[in-house]
Every structure is written in C-alpha cells, then in structure tokens.
C-alpha atoms as a PDB file:
ATOM      1  CA  MET A   1     153.058 145.093  87.840  1.00  0.00           C
ATOM      2  CA  LYS A   2     149.871 145.523  85.768  1.00  0.00           C
ATOM      3  CA  ILE A   3     148.485 149.006  85.060  1.00  0.00           C
ATOM      4  CA  ASN A   4     145.267 148.451  87.074  1.00  0.00           C
ATOM      5  CA  GLN A   5     147.244 147.185  90.062  1.00  0.00           C
ATOM      6  CA  LYS A   6     149.581 150.193  89.846  1.00  0.00           C
ATOM      7  CA  ALA A   7     146.561 152.545  89.608  1.00  0.00           C
ATOM      8  CA  ASP A   8     145.054 150.991  92.726  1.00  0.00           C
ATOM      9  CA  LEU A   9     148.316 151.426  94.625  1.00  0.00           C
ATOM     10  CA  PHE A  10     148.493 155.013  93.457  1.00  0.00           C
ATOM     11  CA  SER A  11     144.940 155.699  94.726  1.00  0.00           C
ATOM     12  CA  GLU A  12     145.855 154.164  98.068  1.00  0.00           C
ATOM     13  CA  ALA A  13     149.026 156.225  98.263  1.00  0.00           C
ATOM     14  CA  LEU A  14     147.080 159.385  97.420  1.00  0.00           C
ATOM     15  CA  LYS A  15     144.509 158.936 100.152  1.00  0.00           C
ATOM     16  CA  ASN A  16     147.319 158.244 102.649  1.00  0.00           C
ATOM     17  CA  GLU A  17     149.226 161.320 101.492  1.00  0.00           C
ATOM     18  CA  LEU A  18     146.150 163.549 101.794  1.00  0.00           C
ATOM     19  CA  ILE A  19     145.609 162.363 105.384  1.00  0.00           C
ATOM     20  CA  GLU A  20     149.247 162.724 106.294  1.00  0.00           C
ATOM     21  CA  ILE A  21     149.708 166.134 104.879  1.00  0.00           C
ATOM     22  CA  ARG A  22     146.502 167.481 106.425  1.00  0.00           C
ATOM     23  CA  THR A  23     147.446 166.228 109.864  1.00  0.00           C
ATOM     24  CA  LYS A  24     151.004 167.609 109.541  1.00  0.00           C
ATOM     25  CA  CYS A  25     149.392 171.001 108.821  1.00  0.00           C
ATOM     26  CA  GLY A  26     147.360 170.640 112.004  1.00  0.00           C
ATOM     27  CA  LEU A  27     144.059 171.015 110.198  1.00  0.00           C
ATOM     28  CA  SER A  28     140.859 169.195 110.821  1.00  0.00           C
ATOM     29  CA  LYS A  29     138.854 167.881 107.844  1.00  0.00           C
ATOM     30  CA  ASN A  30     136.411 170.720 108.504  1.00  0.00           C
ATOM     31  CA  GLU A  31     139.119 173.373 108.405  1.00  0.00           C
ATOM     32  CA  ALA A  32     140.731 171.972 105.249  1.00  0.00           C
ATOM     33  CA  ALA A  33     137.385 171.693 103.484  1.00  0.00           C
ATOM     34  CA  THR A  34     136.358 175.195 104.413  1.00  0.00           C
ATOM     35  CA  ARG A  35     139.625 176.725 103.239  1.00  0.00           C
ATOM     36  CA  ALA A  36     139.465 174.736  99.962  1.00  0.00           C
ATOM     37  CA  GLY A  37     135.844 175.541  99.295  1.00  0.00           C
ATOM     38  CA  LEU A  38     134.849 171.854  99.558  1.00  0.00           C
ATOM     39  CA  ALA A  39     132.276 169.910 101.556  1.00  0.00           C
ATOM     40  CA  VAL A  40     133.649 168.171 104.647  1.00  0.00           C
ATOM     41  CA  SER A  41     132.010 164.946 103.478  1.00  0.00           C
ATOM     42  CA  PHE A  42     133.924 165.183 100.188  1.00  0.00           C
ATOM     43  CA  VAL A  43     137.255 165.575 102.000  1.00  0.00           C
ATOM     44  CA  SER A  44     136.254 162.507 104.094  1.00  0.00           C
ATOM     45  CA  TYR A  45     135.483 160.551 100.922  1.00  0.00           C
ATOM     46  CA  LEU A  46     138.859 161.490  99.438  1.00  0.00           C
ATOM     47  CA  GLU A  47     140.672 160.380 102.605  1.00  0.00           C
ATOM     48  CA  SER A  48     138.797 157.144 102.750  1.00  0.00           C
ATOM     49  CA  GLY A  49     139.407 156.365  99.096  1.00  0.00           C
ATOM     50  CA  LYS A  50     135.720 156.417  98.203  1.00  0.00           C
ATOM     51  CA  ARG A  51     136.315 159.337  95.816  1.00  0.00           C
ATOM     52  CA  ARG A  52     139.247 160.515  93.742  1.00  0.00           C
ATOM     53  CA  PRO A  53     140.068 164.181  93.372  1.00  0.00           C
ATOM     54  CA  THR A  54     140.000 166.116  90.114  1.00  0.00           C
ATOM     55  CA  VAL A  55     143.062 168.117  89.199  1.00  0.00           C
ATOM     56  CA  GLU A  56     141.275 171.250  90.404  1.00  0.00           C
ATOM     57  CA  THR A  57     140.407 169.673  93.772  1.00  0.00           C
ATOM     58  CA  LEU A  58     143.951 168.354  94.235  1.00  0.00           C
ATOM     59  CA  ALA A  59     145.315 171.799  93.520  1.00  0.00           C
ATOM     60  CA  LYS A  60     142.982 173.446  96.057  1.00  0.00           C
ATOM     61  CA  LEU A  61     143.928 171.024  98.747  1.00  0.00           C
ATOM     62  CA  ALA A  62     147.628 171.296  97.943  1.00  0.00           C
ATOM     63  CA  TRP A  63     147.509 175.055  98.252  1.00  0.00           C
ATOM     64  CA  VAL A  64     145.584 174.885 101.523  1.00  0.00           C
ATOM     65  CA  TYR A  65     148.312 172.537 102.768  1.00  0.00           C
ATOM     66  CA  ASP A  66     151.017 174.981 101.554  1.00  0.00           C
ATOM     67  CA  THR A  67     152.412 172.617  98.976  1.00  0.00           C
ATOM     68  CA  THR A  68     151.948 171.876  95.269  1.00  0.00           C
ATOM     69  CA  PRO A  69     149.870 169.287  93.449  1.00  0.00           C
ATOM     70  CA  SER A  70     153.068 167.947  91.879  1.00  0.00           C
ATOM     71  CA  ALA A  71     154.701 167.480  95.257  1.00  0.00           C
ATOM     72  CA  ILE A  72     151.736 165.363  96.419  1.00  0.00           C
ATOM     73  CA  LEU A  73     151.880 163.276  93.220  1.00  0.00           C
ATOM     74  CA  VAL A  74     155.656 162.751  93.532  1.00  0.00           C
ATOM     75  CA  ASN A  75     155.190 161.463  97.089  1.00  0.00           C
ATOM     76  CA  CYS A  76     152.589 159.015  95.779  1.00  0.00           C
ATOM     77  CA  GLU A  77     155.028 157.847  93.034  1.00  0.00           C
ATOM     78  CA  LYS A  78     157.699 157.277  95.726  1.00  0.00           C
ATOM     79  CA  ALA A  79     155.286 155.260  97.807  1.00  0.00           C
ATOM     80  CA  ILE A  80     154.479 153.037  94.808  1.00  0.00           C
ATOM     81  CA  GLU A  81     158.160 152.606  94.008  1.00  0.00           C
ATOM     82  CA  SER A  82     158.851 151.439  97.542  1.00  0.00           C
ATOM     83  CA  THR A  83     156.025 148.865  97.414  1.00  0.00           C
ATOM     84  CA  PRO A  84     157.367 145.318  97.078  1.00  0.00           C
ATOM     85  CA  GLN A  85     156.544 143.834  93.658  1.00  0.00           C
ATOM     86  CA  GLU A  86     154.976 140.456  93.271  1.00  0.00           C
END
C-alpha cells in the first residue's frame, strides 16, 4: 500500500473513530465542542473529514471523551490493519 493511500485510510479511520467515541460517551457535537473549547462547526468538519485535527485538538477531544490521544490513534492503526489490501 502506498503512503498516500495509507494516509487517506488513516484520515477515514480517524473521522470514524471520533464519531464513534463521541456517541459512546453520549455527547452531542455541541456538548463535545463546548467542553473542548472548540466551535461546533469545527467538530462537524472533523467528523466529516473536511478538516484534520492538530495534536492539541486531538488531545482536547480525547480528554473530553475520557480517553487518550494515543488510544484514538491506536484504534485508527488497527482499523487500517484490518482493511483488505489491494
């Protein structure tokens, strides 16, 4: 798998992970954004894949979701590993 393809898969996995973890926490986008000090529109952009989080933003969201940035990234890596290769 080429680097750019892997990066695209990682971005897709990250947006899916952010949606999944927020919903498991029972938070709306508005609640998550408020607690993290972010705009609701920015959280929507992250979850739609239109924007990518900085390390700081990922950390804020992880802590709001009572997890760690590294746990989120590990889940994304696992998602990529389980993706069938061409």
